[in-house]
Full PDB file with SEQRES, HELIX, SHEET, SSBOND, CRYST1, ORIGX, SCALE, CONECT and MASTER records, all heavy atoms in Angstrom:
SEQRES   1 A   41  GLU PHE ASN PRO THR GLY ARG GLN GLY VAL TYR GLY GLY          
SEQRES   2 A   41  TYR GLN ASN TRP ILE ASP ARG ALA GLY ARG PHE ARG SER          
SEQRES   3 A   41  LEU GLY ASP GLY GLN VAL ASP PHE LYS SER ILE PHE SER          
SEQRES   4 A   41  LYS MET                                                      
HELIX    1 AA1 GLY A   12  TYR A   14  5                                   3    
HELIX    2 AA2 TRP A   17  ASP A   19  5                                   3    
HELIX    3 AA3 PHE A   34  LYS A   40  1                                   7    
CRYST1    1.000    1.000    1.000  90.00  90.00  90.00 P 1           1          
ORIGX1      1.000000  0.000000  0.000000        0.00000                         
ORIGX2      0.000000  1.000000  0.000000        0.00000                         
ORIGX3      0.000000  0.000000  1.000000        0.00000                         
SCALE1      1.000000  0.000000  0.000000        0.00000                         
SCALE2      0.000000  1.000000  0.000000        0.00000                         
SCALE3      0.000000  0.000000  1.000000        0.00000                         
ATOM      1  N   GLU A   1       0.444  -0.529   1.550  1.00  0.00           N  
ATOM      2  CA  GLU A   1       0.379  -1.713   0.693  1.00  0.00           C  
ATOM      3  C   GLU A   1      -0.274  -1.327  -0.625  1.00  0.00           C  
ATOM      4  O   GLU A   1      -1.083  -0.399  -0.691  1.00  0.00           O  
ATOM      5  CB  GLU A   1      -0.423  -2.824   1.372  1.00  0.00           C  
ATOM      6  CG  GLU A   1      -1.883  -2.469   1.632  1.00  0.00           C  
ATOM      7  CD  GLU A   1      -2.628  -3.553   2.388  1.00  0.00           C  
ATOM      8  OE1 GLU A   1      -2.014  -4.590   2.704  1.00  0.00           O  
ATOM      9  OE2 GLU A   1      -3.829  -3.363   2.672  1.00  0.00           O  
ATOM     10  N   PHE A   2       0.118  -2.037  -1.683  1.00  0.00           N  
ATOM     11  CA  PHE A   2      -0.487  -1.825  -2.997  1.00  0.00           C  
ATOM     12  C   PHE A   2      -0.847  -3.179  -3.577  1.00  0.00           C  
ATOM     13  O   PHE A   2       0.029  -4.002  -3.844  1.00  0.00           O  
ATOM     14  CB  PHE A   2       0.473  -1.075  -3.917  1.00  0.00           C  
ATOM     15  CG  PHE A   2      -0.118  -0.774  -5.269  1.00  0.00           C  
ATOM     16  CD1 PHE A   2      -1.239   0.039  -5.391  1.00  0.00           C  
ATOM     17  CD2 PHE A   2       0.445  -1.312  -6.424  1.00  0.00           C  
ATOM     18  CE1 PHE A   2      -1.793   0.309  -6.632  1.00  0.00           C  
ATOM     19  CE2 PHE A   2      -0.100  -1.045  -7.675  1.00  0.00           C  
ATOM     20  CZ  PHE A   2      -1.224  -0.227  -7.768  1.00  0.00           C  
ATOM     21  N   ASN A   3      -2.161  -3.421  -3.723  1.00  0.00           N  
ATOM     22  CA  ASN A   3      -2.664  -4.701  -4.205  1.00  0.00           C  
ATOM     23  C   ASN A   3      -3.607  -4.473  -5.382  1.00  0.00           C  
ATOM     24  O   ASN A   3      -4.833  -4.506  -5.235  1.00  0.00           O  
ATOM     25  CB  ASN A   3      -3.404  -5.434  -3.072  1.00  0.00           C  
ATOM     26  CG  ASN A   3      -2.505  -5.719  -1.886  1.00  0.00           C  
ATOM     27  OD1 ASN A   3      -1.481  -6.383  -2.019  1.00  0.00           O  
ATOM     28  ND2 ASN A   3      -2.881  -5.217  -0.713  1.00  0.00           N  
ATOM     29  N   PRO A   4      -3.043  -4.247  -6.574  1.00  0.00           N  
ATOM     30  CA  PRO A   4      -3.889  -3.973  -7.736  1.00  0.00           C  
ATOM     31  C   PRO A   4      -4.711  -5.201  -8.130  1.00  0.00           C  
ATOM     32  O   PRO A   4      -4.316  -6.348  -7.885  1.00  0.00           O  
ATOM     33  CB  PRO A   4      -2.874  -3.624  -8.826  1.00  0.00           C  
ATOM     34  CG  PRO A   4      -1.613  -4.328  -8.421  1.00  0.00           C  
ATOM     35  CD  PRO A   4      -1.608  -4.277  -6.913  1.00  0.00           C  
ATOM     36  N   THR A   5      -5.844  -4.936  -8.719  1.00  0.00           N  
ATOM     37  CA  THR A   5      -6.730  -6.015  -9.172  1.00  0.00           C  
ATOM     38  C   THR A   5      -7.091  -5.762 -10.635  1.00  0.00           C  
ATOM     39  O   THR A   5      -6.628  -4.806 -11.250  1.00  0.00           O  
ATOM     40  CB  THR A   5      -8.023  -6.033  -8.337  1.00  0.00           C  
ATOM     41  OG1 THR A   5      -8.797  -4.853  -8.648  1.00  0.00           O  
ATOM     42  CG2 THR A   5      -7.725  -6.057  -6.841  1.00  0.00           C  
ATOM     43  N   GLY A   6      -7.933  -6.600 -11.171  1.00  0.00           N  
ATOM     44  CA  GLY A   6      -8.449  -6.378 -12.518  1.00  0.00           C  
ATOM     45  C   GLY A   6      -9.428  -5.237 -12.594  1.00  0.00           C  
ATOM     46  O   GLY A   6      -9.824  -4.818 -13.687  1.00  0.00           O  
ATOM     47  N   ARG A   7      -9.808  -4.695 -11.438  1.00  0.00           N  
ATOM     48  CA  ARG A   7     -10.790  -3.612 -11.411  1.00  0.00           C  
ATOM     49  C   ARG A   7     -10.189  -2.243 -11.092  1.00  0.00           C  
ATOM     50  O   ARG A   7     -10.761  -1.217 -11.468  1.00  0.00           O  
ATOM     51  CB  ARG A   7     -11.880  -3.922 -10.383  1.00  0.00           C  
ATOM     52  CG  ARG A   7     -12.788  -5.064 -10.769  1.00  0.00           C  
ATOM     53  CD  ARG A   7     -13.951  -5.178  -9.790  1.00  0.00           C  
ATOM     54  NE  ARG A   7     -14.945  -6.119 -10.268  1.00  0.00           N  
ATOM     55  CZ  ARG A   7     -14.948  -7.408  -9.968  1.00  0.00           C  
ATOM     56  NH1 ARG A   7     -13.998  -7.904  -9.190  1.00  0.00           N  
ATOM     57  NH2 ARG A   7     -15.891  -8.204 -10.442  1.00  0.00           N  
ATOM     58  N   GLN A   8      -9.059  -2.205 -10.349  1.00  0.00           N  
ATOM     59  CA  GLN A   8      -8.490  -0.911  -9.979  1.00  0.00           C  
ATOM     60  C   GLN A   8      -7.001  -1.015  -9.744  1.00  0.00           C  
ATOM     61  O   GLN A   8      -6.481  -2.102  -9.453  1.00  0.00           O  
ATOM     62  CB  GLN A   8      -9.176  -0.331  -8.737  1.00  0.00           C  
ATOM     63  CG  GLN A   8      -9.017  -1.176  -7.486  1.00  0.00           C  
ATOM     64  CD  GLN A   8      -9.227  -0.385  -6.216  1.00  0.00           C  
ATOM     65  OE1 GLN A   8      -8.535   0.589  -5.947  1.00  0.00           O  
ATOM     66  NE2 GLN A   8     -10.207  -0.812  -5.421  1.00  0.00           N  
ATOM     67  N   GLY A   9      -6.340   0.127  -9.867  1.00  0.00           N  
ATOM     68  CA  GLY A   9      -4.908   0.200  -9.657  1.00  0.00           C  
ATOM     69  C   GLY A   9      -4.531   1.445  -8.877  1.00  0.00           C  
ATOM     70  O   GLY A   9      -5.137   1.754  -7.854  1.00  0.00           O  
ATOM     71  N   VAL A  10      -3.547   2.206  -9.388  1.00  0.00           N  
ATOM     72  CA  VAL A  10      -3.007   3.360  -8.678  1.00  0.00           C  
ATOM     73  C   VAL A  10      -4.072   4.389  -8.341  1.00  0.00           C  
ATOM     74  O   VAL A  10      -4.061   4.983  -7.258  1.00  0.00           O  
ATOM     75  CB  VAL A  10      -1.872   4.003  -9.504  1.00  0.00           C  
ATOM     76  CG1 VAL A  10      -1.441   5.327  -8.894  1.00  0.00           C  
ATOM     77  CG2 VAL A  10      -0.678   3.060  -9.598  1.00  0.00           C  
ATOM     78  N   TYR A  11      -5.017   4.616  -9.238  1.00  0.00           N  
ATOM     79  CA  TYR A  11      -5.968   5.704  -9.023  1.00  0.00           C  
ATOM     80  C   TYR A  11      -7.101   5.362  -8.065  1.00  0.00           C  
ATOM     81  O   TYR A  11      -7.793   6.264  -7.580  1.00  0.00           O  
ATOM     82  CB  TYR A  11      -6.545   6.172 -10.366  1.00  0.00           C  
ATOM     83  CG  TYR A  11      -5.465   6.670 -11.292  1.00  0.00           C  
ATOM     84  CD1 TYR A  11      -5.139   5.971 -12.439  1.00  0.00           C  
ATOM     85  CD2 TYR A  11      -4.738   7.827 -10.991  1.00  0.00           C  
ATOM     86  CE1 TYR A  11      -4.132   6.406 -13.288  1.00  0.00           C  
ATOM     87  CE2 TYR A  11      -3.729   8.263 -11.819  1.00  0.00           C  
ATOM     88  CZ  TYR A  11      -3.423   7.556 -12.964  1.00  0.00           C  
ATOM     89  OH  TYR A  11      -2.424   7.985 -13.787  1.00  0.00           O  
ATOM     90  N   GLY A  12      -7.335   4.085  -7.783  1.00  0.00           N  
ATOM     91  CA  GLY A  12      -8.235   3.722  -6.701  1.00  0.00           C  
ATOM     92  C   GLY A  12      -9.710   3.723  -6.993  1.00  0.00           C  
ATOM     93  O   GLY A  12     -10.512   3.463  -6.084  1.00  0.00           O  
ATOM     94  N   GLY A  13     -10.096   4.043  -8.218  1.00  0.00           N  
ATOM     95  CA  GLY A  13     -11.504   3.922  -8.588  1.00  0.00           C  
ATOM     96  C   GLY A  13     -12.465   4.739  -7.753  1.00  0.00           C  
ATOM     97  O   GLY A  13     -13.620   4.347  -7.566  1.00  0.00           O  
ATOM     98  N   TYR A  14     -12.026   5.874  -7.225  1.00  0.00           N  
ATOM     99  CA  TYR A  14     -12.868   6.741  -6.383  1.00  0.00           C  
ATOM    100  C   TYR A  14     -13.356   6.053  -5.105  1.00  0.00           C  
ATOM    101  O   TYR A  14     -14.341   6.481  -4.484  1.00  0.00           O  
ATOM    102  CB  TYR A  14     -14.086   7.270  -7.152  1.00  0.00           C  
ATOM    103  CG  TYR A  14     -13.756   8.162  -8.312  1.00  0.00           C  
ATOM    104  CD1 TYR A  14     -14.008   7.745  -9.609  1.00  0.00           C  
ATOM    105  CD2 TYR A  14     -13.198   9.420  -8.124  1.00  0.00           C  
ATOM    106  CE1 TYR A  14     -13.706   8.556 -10.691  1.00  0.00           C  
ATOM    107  CE2 TYR A  14     -12.888  10.245  -9.190  1.00  0.00           C  
ATOM    108  CZ  TYR A  14     -13.136   9.806 -10.472  1.00  0.00           C  
ATOM    109  OH  TYR A  14     -12.835  10.605 -11.543  1.00  0.00           O  
ATOM    110  N   GLN A  15     -12.683   5.010  -4.682  1.00  0.00           N  
ATOM    111  CA  GLN A  15     -13.124   4.272  -3.500  1.00  0.00           C  
ATOM    112  C   GLN A  15     -12.589   4.913  -2.225  1.00  0.00           C  
ATOM    113  O   GLN A  15     -11.606   5.655  -2.230  1.00  0.00           O  
ATOM    114  CB  GLN A  15     -12.645   2.827  -3.583  1.00  0.00           C  
ATOM    115  CG  GLN A  15     -13.168   2.077  -4.784  1.00  0.00           C  
ATOM    116  CD  GLN A  15     -14.684   2.110  -4.866  1.00  0.00           C  
ATOM    117  OE1 GLN A  15     -15.364   1.523  -4.018  1.00  0.00           O  
ATOM    118  NE2 GLN A  15     -15.220   2.782  -5.879  1.00  0.00           N  
ATOM    119  N   ASN A  16     -13.262   4.623  -1.122  1.00  0.00           N  
ATOM    120  CA  ASN A  16     -12.746   5.023   0.179  1.00  0.00           C  
ATOM    121  C   ASN A  16     -11.449   4.265   0.452  1.00  0.00           C  
ATOM    122  O   ASN A  16     -11.162   3.240  -0.168  1.00  0.00           O  
ATOM    123  CB  ASN A  16     -13.765   4.725   1.275  1.00  0.00           C  
ATOM    124  CG  ASN A  16     -15.002   5.598   1.153  1.00  0.00           C  
ATOM    125  OD1 ASN A  16     -14.915   6.761   0.787  1.00  0.00           O  
ATOM    126  ND2 ASN A  16     -16.163   5.020   1.455  1.00  0.00           N  
ATOM    127  N   TRP A  17     -10.668   4.770   1.437  1.00  0.00           N  
ATOM    128  CA  TRP A  17      -9.358   4.178   1.687  1.00  0.00           C  
ATOM    129  C   TRP A  17      -9.427   2.680   1.927  1.00  0.00           C  
ATOM    130  O   TRP A  17      -8.569   1.919   1.473  1.00  0.00           O  
ATOM    131  CB  TRP A  17      -8.687   4.875   2.875  1.00  0.00           C  
ATOM    132  CG  TRP A  17      -8.008   6.144   2.496  1.00  0.00           C  
ATOM    133  CD1 TRP A  17      -8.368   7.413   2.835  1.00  0.00           C  
ATOM    134  CD2 TRP A  17      -6.833   6.272   1.675  1.00  0.00           C  
ATOM    135  NE1 TRP A  17      -7.494   8.334   2.266  1.00  0.00           N  
ATOM    136  CE2 TRP A  17      -6.550   7.661   1.565  1.00  0.00           C  
ATOM    137  CE3 TRP A  17      -6.004   5.362   1.018  1.00  0.00           C  
ATOM    138  CZ2 TRP A  17      -5.460   8.140   0.832  1.00  0.00           C  
ATOM    139  CZ3 TRP A  17      -4.929   5.842   0.290  1.00  0.00           C  
ATOM    140  CH2 TRP A  17      -4.666   7.207   0.201  1.00  0.00           C  
ATOM    141  N   ILE A  18     -10.426   2.220   2.633  1.00  0.00           N  
ATOM    142  CA  ILE A  18     -10.480   0.804   2.993  1.00  0.00           C  
ATOM    143  C   ILE A  18     -10.668  -0.088   1.770  1.00  0.00           C  
ATOM    144  O   ILE A  18     -10.304  -1.268   1.766  1.00  0.00           O  
ATOM    145  CB  ILE A  18     -11.584   0.546   4.041  1.00  0.00           C  
ATOM    146  CG1 ILE A  18     -11.345  -0.804   4.720  1.00  0.00           C  
ATOM    147  CG2 ILE A  18     -12.964   0.626   3.422  1.00  0.00           C  
ATOM    148  CD1 ILE A  18     -12.190  -1.019   5.944  1.00  0.00           C  
ATOM    149  N   ASP A  19     -11.213   0.473   0.684  1.00  0.00           N  
ATOM    150  CA  ASP A  19     -11.501  -0.310  -0.515  1.00  0.00           C  
ATOM    151  C   ASP A  19     -10.543  -0.025  -1.664  1.00  0.00           C  
ATOM    152  O   ASP A  19     -10.760  -0.493  -2.785  1.00  0.00           O  
ATOM    153  CB  ASP A  19     -12.938  -0.035  -0.986  1.00  0.00           C  
ATOM    154  CG  ASP A  19     -13.964  -0.477   0.036  1.00  0.00           C  
ATOM    155  OD1 ASP A  19     -13.784  -1.581   0.590  1.00  0.00           O  
ATOM    156  OD2 ASP A  19     -14.922   0.269   0.281  1.00  0.00           O  
ATOM    157  N   ARG A  20      -9.475   0.709  -1.400  1.00  0.00           N  
ATOM    158  CA  ARG A  20      -8.525   1.057  -2.458  1.00  0.00           C  
ATOM    159  C   ARG A  20      -7.460  -0.022  -2.622  1.00  0.00           C  
ATOM    160  O   ARG A  20      -7.116  -0.723  -1.664  1.00  0.00           O  
ATOM    161  CB  ARG A  20      -7.844   2.397  -2.145  1.00  0.00           C  
ATOM    162  CG  ARG A  20      -8.762   3.598  -2.228  1.00  0.00           C  
ATOM    163  CD  ARG A  20      -8.047   4.863  -1.771  1.00  0.00           C  
ATOM    164  NE  ARG A  20      -6.902   5.163  -2.623  1.00  0.00           N  
ATOM    165  CZ  ARG A  20      -6.938   5.948  -3.692  1.00  0.00           C  
ATOM    166  NH1 ARG A  20      -8.081   6.515  -4.051  1.00  0.00           N  
ATOM    167  NH2 ARG A  20      -5.848   6.169  -4.406  1.00  0.00           N  
ATOM    168  N   ALA A  21      -6.908  -0.116  -3.838  1.00  0.00           N  
ATOM    169  CA  ALA A  21      -5.789  -1.031  -4.079  1.00  0.00           C  
ATOM    170  C   ALA A  21      -4.566  -0.589  -3.277  1.00  0.00           C  
ATOM    171  O   ALA A  21      -3.794  -1.414  -2.782  1.00  0.00           O  
ATOM    172  CB  ALA A  21      -5.459  -1.087  -5.568  1.00  0.00           C  
ATOM    173  N   GLY A  22      -4.373   0.706  -3.172  1.00  0.00           N  
ATOM    174  CA  GLY A  22      -3.284   1.260  -2.377  1.00  0.00           C  
ATOM    175  C   GLY A  22      -3.819   1.825  -1.075  1.00  0.00           C  
ATOM    176  O   GLY A  22      -4.706   2.685  -1.088  1.00  0.00           O  
ATOM    177  N   ARG A  23      -3.296   1.320   0.049  1.00  0.00           N  
ATOM    178  CA  ARG A  23      -3.785   1.766   1.357  1.00  0.00           C  
ATOM    179  C   ARG A  23      -2.608   1.998   2.290  1.00  0.00           C  
ATOM    180  O   ARG A  23      -1.603   1.278   2.247  1.00  0.00           O  
ATOM    181  CB  ARG A  23      -4.695   0.714   2.001  1.00  0.00           C  
ATOM    182  CG  ARG A  23      -5.838   0.256   1.155  1.00  0.00           C  
ATOM    183  CD  ARG A  23      -6.803  -0.622   1.934  1.00  0.00           C  
ATOM    184  NE  ARG A  23      -6.226  -1.893   2.369  1.00  0.00           N  
ATOM    185  CZ  ARG A  23      -6.926  -2.904   2.861  1.00  0.00           C  
ATOM    186  NH1 ARG A  23      -8.235  -2.784   3.000  1.00  0.00           N  
ATOM    187  NH2 ARG A  23      -6.336  -4.026   3.230  1.00  0.00           N  
ATOM    188  N   PHE A  24      -2.737   3.006   3.154  1.00  0.00           N  
ATOM    189  CA  PHE A  24      -1.780   3.172   4.243  1.00  0.00           C  
ATOM    190  C   PHE A  24      -2.135   2.175   5.342  1.00  0.00           C  
ATOM    191  O   PHE A  24      -3.310   1.896   5.594  1.00  0.00           O  
ATOM    192  CB  PHE A  24      -1.820   4.594   4.786  1.00  0.00           C  
ATOM    193  CG  PHE A  24      -1.456   5.632   3.765  1.00  0.00           C  
ATOM    194  CD1 PHE A  24      -2.295   6.704   3.516  1.00  0.00           C  
ATOM    195  CD2 PHE A  24      -0.284   5.533   3.042  1.00  0.00           C  
ATOM    196  CE1 PHE A  24      -1.967   7.661   2.575  1.00  0.00           C  
ATOM    197  CE2 PHE A  24       0.062   6.479   2.098  1.00  0.00           C  
ATOM    198  CZ  PHE A  24      -0.778   7.550   1.860  1.00  0.00           C  
ATOM    199  N   ARG A  25      -1.081   1.649   5.999  1.00  0.00           N  
ATOM    200  CA  ARG A  25      -1.287   0.659   7.040  1.00  0.00           C  
ATOM    201  C   ARG A  25      -0.451   1.004   8.269  1.00  0.00           C  
ATOM    202  O   ARG A  25       0.509   1.762   8.208  1.00  0.00           O  
ATOM    203  CB  ARG A  25      -0.883  -0.737   6.542  1.00  0.00           C  
ATOM    204  CG  ARG A  25      -1.680  -1.263   5.343  1.00  0.00           C  
ATOM    205  CD  ARG A  25      -3.182  -1.408   5.660  1.00  0.00           C  
ATOM    206  NE  ARG A  25      -3.405  -2.198   6.853  1.00  0.00           N  
ATOM    207  CZ  ARG A  25      -3.464  -3.534   6.871  1.00  0.00           C  
ATOM    208  NH1 ARG A  25      -3.291  -4.229   5.757  1.00  0.00           N  
ATOM    209  NH2 ARG A  25      -3.694  -4.176   8.003  1.00  0.00           N  
ATOM    210  N   SER A  26      -0.823   0.436   9.395  1.00  0.00           N  
ATOM    211  CA  SER A  26      -0.016   0.573  10.604  1.00  0.00           C  
ATOM    212  C   SER A  26       1.323  -0.124  10.399  1.00  0.00           C  
ATOM    213  O   SER A  26       1.447  -1.057   9.586  1.00  0.00           O  
ATOM    214  CB  SER A  26      -0.746  -0.029  11.805  1.00  0.00           C  
ATOM    215  OG  SER A  26      -1.827   0.798  12.187  1.00  0.00           O  
ATOM    216  N   LEU A  27       2.324   0.338  11.146  1.00  0.00           N  
ATOM    217  CA  LEU A  27       3.671  -0.195  10.953  1.00  0.00           C  
ATOM    218  C   LEU A  27       3.722  -1.715  11.143  1.00  0.00           C  
ATOM    219  O   LEU A  27       3.228  -2.244  12.135  1.00  0.00           O  
ATOM    220  CB  LEU A  27       4.644   0.478  11.920  1.00  0.00           C  
ATOM    221  CG  LEU A  27       4.973   1.931  11.597  1.00  0.00           C  
ATOM    222  CD1 LEU A  27       5.941   2.510  12.634  1.00  0.00           C  
ATOM    223  CD2 LEU A  27       5.571   2.056  10.204  1.00  0.00           C  
ATOM    224  N   GLY A  28       4.314  -2.382  10.159  1.00  0.00           N  
ATOM    225  CA  GLY A  28       4.431  -3.826  10.196  1.00  0.00           C  
ATOM    226  C   GLY A  28       3.299  -4.554   9.517  1.00  0.00           C  
ATOM    227  O   GLY A  28       3.399  -5.758   9.258  1.00  0.00           O  
ATOM    228  N   ASP A  29       2.214  -3.845   9.178  1.00  0.00           N  
ATOM    229  CA  ASP A  29       1.062  -4.478   8.547  1.00  0.00           C  
ATOM    230  C   ASP A  29       1.056  -4.304   7.032  1.00  0.00           C  
ATOM    231  O   ASP A  29       0.196  -4.872   6.350  1.00  0.00           O  
ATOM    232  CB  ASP A  29      -0.247  -3.903   9.113  1.00  0.00           C  
ATOM    233  CG  ASP A  29      -0.443  -4.248  10.578  1.00  0.00           C  
ATOM    234  OD1 ASP A  29       0.237  -5.172  11.065  1.00  0.00           O  
ATOM    235  OD2 ASP A  29      -1.265  -3.591  11.242  1.00  0.00           O  
ATOM    236  N   GLY A  30       1.980  -3.500   6.508  1.00  0.00           N  
ATOM    237  CA  GLY A  30       2.016  -3.236   5.084  1.00  0.00           C  
ATOM    238  C   GLY A  30       3.155  -3.950   4.380  1.00  0.00           C  
ATOM    239  O   GLY A  30       3.657  -4.976   4.856  1.00  0.00           O  
ATOM    240  N   GLN A  31       3.592  -3.388   3.258  1.00  0.00           N  
ATOM    241  CA  GLN A  31       4.577  -4.045   2.396  1.00  0.00           C  
ATOM    242  C   GLN A  31       5.935  -3.345   2.375  1.00  0.00           C  
ATOM    243  O   GLN A  31       6.853  -3.802   1.695  1.00  0.00           O  
ATOM    244  CB  GLN A  31       4.030  -4.095   0.964  1.00  0.00           C  
ATOM    245  CG  GLN A  31       2.753  -4.901   0.815  1.00  0.00           C  
ATOM    246  CD  GLN A  31       2.082  -4.699  -0.529  1.00  0.00           C  
ATOM    247  OE1 GLN A  31       2.444  -3.798  -1.286  1.00  0.00           O  
ATOM    248  NE2 GLN A  31       1.101  -5.530  -0.823  1.00  0.00           N  
ATOM    249  N   VAL A  32       6.098  -2.269   3.108  1.00  0.00           N  
ATOM    250  CA  VAL A  32       7.356  -1.522   3.055  1.00  0.00           C  
ATOM    251  C   VAL A  32       8.485  -2.334   3.681  1.00  0.00           C  
ATOM    252  O   VAL A  32       8.334  -2.899   4.774  1.00  0.00           O  
ATOM    253  CB  VAL A  32       7.215  -0.163   3.773  1.00  0.00           C  
ATOM    254  CG1 VAL A  32       8.568   0.565   3.799  1.00  0.00           C  
ATOM    255  CG2 VAL A  32       6.175   0.710   3.073  1.00  0.00           C  
ATOM    256  N   ASP A  33       9.621  -2.364   3.002  1.00  0.00           N  
ATOM    257  CA  ASP A  33      10.800  -3.082   3.484  1.00  0.00           C  
ATOM    258  C   ASP A  33      11.608  -2.157   4.399  1.00  0.00           C  
ATOM    259  O   ASP A  33      12.584  -1.542   3.989  1.00  0.00           O  
ATOM    260  CB  ASP A  33      11.637  -3.530   2.280  1.00  0.00           C  
ATOM    261  CG  ASP A  33      12.890  -4.295   2.679  1.00  0.00           C  
ATOM    262  OD1 ASP A  33      13.101  -4.518   3.891  1.00  0.00           O  
ATOM    263  OD2 ASP A  33      13.670  -4.653   1.773  1.00  0.00           O  
ATOM    264  N   PHE A  34      11.192  -2.077   5.643  1.00  0.00           N  
ATOM    265  CA  PHE A  34      11.835  -1.151   6.571  1.00  0.00           C  
ATOM    266  C   PHE A  34      13.229  -1.600   6.977  1.00  0.00           C  
ATOM    267  O   PHE A  34      14.072  -0.760   7.311  1.00  0.00           O  
ATOM    268  CB  PHE A  34      10.954  -0.931   7.801  1.00  0.00           C  
ATOM    269  CG  PHE A  34       9.812   0.011   7.548  1.00  0.00           C  
ATOM    270  CD1 PHE A  34       8.511  -0.458   7.478  1.00  0.00           C  
ATOM    271  CD2 PHE A  34      10.036   1.370   7.368  1.00  0.00           C  
ATOM    272  CE1 PHE A  34       7.455   0.402   7.232  1.00  0.00           C  
ATOM    273  CE2 PHE A  34       8.986   2.240   7.123  1.00  0.00           C  
ATOM    274  CZ  PHE A  34       7.694   1.751   7.056  1.00  0.00           C  
ATOM    275  N   LYS A  35      13.509  -2.891   6.970  1.00  0.00           N  
ATOM    276  CA  LYS A  35      14.867  -3.337   7.294  1.00  0.00           C  
ATOM    277  C   LYS A  35      15.861  -2.732   6.309  1.00  0.00           C  
ATOM    278  O   LYS A  35      16.925  -2.243   6.702  1.00  0.00           O  
ATOM    279  CB  LYS A  35      14.945  -4.864   7.281  1.00  0.00           C  
ATOM    280  CG  LYS A  35      14.319  -5.536   8.497  1.00  0.00           C  
ATOM    281  CD  LYS A  35      14.582  -7.028   8.474  1.00  0.00           C  
ATOM    282  CE  LYS A  35      13.976  -7.716   9.697  1.00  0.00           C  
ATOM    283  NZ  LYS A  35      14.621  -7.287  10.958  1.00  0.00           N  
ATOM    284  N   SER A  36      15.515  -2.744   5.037  1.00  0.00           N  
ATOM    285  CA  SER A  36      16.410  -2.175   4.028  1.00  0.00           C  
ATOM    286  C   SER A  36      16.470  -0.659   4.135  1.00  0.00           C  
ATOM    287  O   SER A  36      17.534  -0.055   3.942  1.00  0.00           O  
ATOM    288  CB  SER A  36      15.950  -2.582   2.623  1.00  0.00           C  
ATOM    289  OG  SER A  36      16.098  -3.973   2.434  1.00  0.00           O  
ATOM    290  N   ILE A  37      15.352  -0.035   4.450  1.00  0.00           N  
ATOM    291  CA  ILE A  37      15.331   1.422   4.591  1.00  0.00           C  
ATOM    292  C   ILE A  37      16.231   1.864   5.737  1.00  0.00           C  
ATOM    293  O   ILE A  37      17.066   2.765   5.580  1.00  0.00           O  
ATOM    294  CB  ILE A  37      13.894   1.933   4.801  1.00  0.00           C  
ATOM    295  CG1 ILE A  37      13.100   1.816   3.504  1.00  0.00           C  
ATOM    296  CG2 ILE A  37      13.901   3.390   5.295  1.00  0.00           C  
ATOM    297  CD1 ILE A  37      11.636   2.157   3.648  1.00  0.00           C  
ATOM    298  N   PHE A  38      16.069   1.254   6.897  1.00  0.00           N  
ATOM    299  CA  PHE A  38      16.888   1.640   8.043  1.00  0.00           C  
ATOM    300  C   PHE A  38      18.361   1.353   7.776  1.00  0.00           C  
ATOM    301  O   PHE A  38      19.238   2.091   8.235  1.00  0.00           O  
ATOM    302  CB  PHE A  38      16.396   0.958   9.315  1.00  0.00           C  
ATOM    303  CG  PHE A  38      15.272   1.673  10.004  1.00  0.00           C  
ATOM    304  CD1 PHE A  38      13.954   1.466   9.618  1.00  0.00           C  
ATOM    305  CD2 PHE A  38      15.523   2.580  11.025  1.00  0.00           C  
ATOM    306  CE1 PHE A  38      12.909   2.142  10.246  1.00  0.00           C  
ATOM    307  CE2 PHE A  38      14.494   3.254  11.661  1.00  0.00           C  
ATOM    308  CZ  PHE A  38      13.177   3.045  11.267  1.00  0.00           C  
ATOM    309  N   SER A  39      18.650   0.294   7.037  1.00  0.00           N  
ATOM    310  CA  SER A  39      20.041   0.003   6.684  1.00  0.00           C  
ATOM    311  C   SER A  39      20.616   1.097   5.800  1.00  0.00           C  
ATOM    312  O   SER A  39      21.749   1.555   6.002  1.00  0.00           O  
ATOM    313  CB  SER A  39      20.133  -1.349   5.970  1.00  0.00           C  
ATOM    314  OG  SER A  39      19.812  -2.404   6.835  1.00  0.00           O  
ATOM    315  N   LYS A  40      19.845   1.529   4.809  1.00  0.00           N  
ATOM    316  CA  LYS A  40      20.328   2.590   3.924  1.00  0.00           C  
ATOM    317  C   LYS A  40      20.476   3.913   4.674  1.00  0.00           C  
ATOM    318  O   LYS A  40      21.433   4.665   4.439  1.00  0.00           O  
ATOM    319  CB  LYS A  40      19.386   2.749   2.728  1.00  0.00           C  
ATOM    320  CG  LYS A  40      19.578   1.694   1.660  1.00  0.00           C  
ATOM    321  CD  LYS A  40      18.787   2.004   0.412  1.00  0.00           C  
ATOM    322  CE  LYS A  40      19.032   0.949  -0.652  1.00  0.00           C  
ATOM    323  NZ  LYS A  40      20.401   1.037  -1.216  1.00  0.00           N  
ATOM    324  N   MET A  41      19.567   4.207   5.565  1.00  0.00           N  
ATOM    325  CA  MET A  41      19.670   5.447   6.328  1.00  0.00           C  
ATOM    326  C   MET A  41      20.927   5.440   7.195  1.00  0.00           C  
ATOM    327  O   MET A  41      21.612   6.460   7.328  1.00  0.00           O  
ATOM    328  CB  MET A  41      18.419   5.659   7.185  1.00  0.00           C  
ATOM    329  CG  MET A  41      17.139   5.834   6.385  1.00  0.00           C  
ATOM    330  SD  MET A  41      17.160   7.273   5.311  1.00  0.00           S  
ATOM    331  CE  MET A  41      15.922   8.277   6.085  1.00  0.00           C  
TER     332      MET A  41                                                      
MASTER        0    0    0    3    0    0    0    6  331    1    0    4          
END                                                                             
C-alpha cells in the first residue's frame, strides 16, 4: 500500500516499515489489484 501524507511520500522519511507511507502488506490487505493482474497473466 502507498498512503502519502503531507509529511512523507516515496522515500519514507527514514521511518521503520510500520510508519512508512509505502508498506508491504499480507495478501488482500494492501492496494494491489490482483484480479486485473491474474487476468493479464
